[in-house]
């Protein structure tokens, strides 16, 4: 179980380093005149520091190593 969590952390860390952030879109109503409505989509970005990805990869490696040592 510890190895699985470690592998997942490594994968998420590599993805965080490759993507660099989380992107999402929201819809906002800009005009509402009875039956007439106008909406717009806005893109938002939450940047992730490379330190977060590196820490996840390092923690995942530590968990994989710790998981393999306890099984012996």
Protein backbone atom coordinates (compact mmCIF):
# COMPACT_ATOMS: atom_id res chain seq x y z
CA UNK A 1 0.00 0.00 0.00
CA UNK A 2 2.87 2.36 0.81
CA UNK A 3 4.46 1.66 -2.58
CA UNK A 4 1.19 2.46 -4.37
CA UNK A 5 0.90 5.82 -2.61
CA UNK A 6 4.54 6.51 -3.46
CA UNK A 7 4.01 5.75 -7.14
CA UNK A 8 0.91 7.97 -7.21
CA UNK A 9 2.89 10.81 -5.64
CA UNK A 10 5.63 10.42 -8.23
CA UNK A 11 3.11 10.50 -11.09
CA UNK A 12 1.31 13.56 -9.68
CA UNK A 13 4.63 15.32 -9.12
CA UNK A 14 5.73 14.73 -12.71
CA UNK A 15 2.35 15.96 -13.98
CA UNK A 16 2.60 19.08 -11.78
CA UNK A 17 6.06 19.81 -13.19
CA UNK A 18 4.92 19.27 -16.78
CA UNK A 19 1.66 21.23 -16.63
CA UNK A 20 2.74 24.04 -14.34
CA UNK A 21 -0.70 24.87 -12.98
CA UNK A 22 -4.40 24.16 -12.82
CA UNK A 23 -6.64 25.76 -15.44
CA UNK A 24 -10.41 26.10 -15.26
CA UNK A 25 -13.15 28.19 -16.89
CA UNK A 26 -16.19 29.89 -15.41
CA UNK A 27 -19.29 31.31 -17.05
CA UNK A 28 -20.56 34.75 -16.10
CA UNK A 29 -23.78 36.43 -17.11
CA UNK A 30 -22.99 39.83 -18.64
CA UNK A 31 -26.44 40.79 -19.94
CA UNK A 32 -29.92 39.81 -18.79
CA UNK A 33 -32.79 41.60 -20.51
CA UNK A 34 -35.83 39.39 -20.04
CA UNK A 35 -35.59 36.53 -22.56
CA UNK A 36 -32.23 37.80 -23.87
CA UNK A 37 -29.16 36.60 -22.01
CA UNK A 38 -25.49 36.97 -22.82
CA UNK A 39 -22.78 35.01 -21.07
CA UNK A 40 -19.03 34.94 -21.32
CA UNK A 41 -16.45 32.35 -20.41
CA UNK A 42 -13.39 33.38 -18.43
CA UNK A 43 -10.27 31.26 -18.11
CA UNK A 44 -8.50 31.14 -14.77
CA UNK A 45 -5.09 29.73 -13.93
CA UNK A 46 -3.77 28.62 -10.54
CA UNK A 47 0.01 28.41 -10.90
CA UNK A 48 1.87 25.59 -9.15
CA UNK A 49 5.40 26.17 -8.01
CA UNK A 50 7.97 23.69 -9.30
CA UNK A 51 8.84 23.09 -5.64
CA UNK A 52 5.46 21.36 -5.21
CA UNK A 53 6.22 18.91 -8.04
CA UNK A 54 9.75 18.26 -6.81
CA UNK A 55 8.51 17.68 -3.26
CA UNK A 56 5.85 15.23 -4.49
CA UNK A 57 8.40 13.28 -6.54
CA UNK A 58 10.87 13.18 -3.63
CA UNK A 59 8.16 12.09 -1.18
CA UNK A 60 6.98 9.41 -3.60
CA UNK A 61 10.50 8.04 -4.01
CA UNK A 62 10.93 7.98 -0.23
CA UNK A 63 7.67 6.06 0.18
CA UNK A 64 8.59 3.54 -2.53
CA UNK A 65 11.97 2.94 -0.89
CA UNK A 66 10.40 2.67 2.59
CA UNK A 67 7.75 0.28 1.25
CA UNK A 68 10.31 -1.99 -0.32
CA UNK A 69 12.42 -2.14 2.85
CA UNK A 70 9.54 -3.17 5.10
CA UNK A 71 8.62 -6.12 2.87
CA UNK A 72 12.01 -7.85 3.07
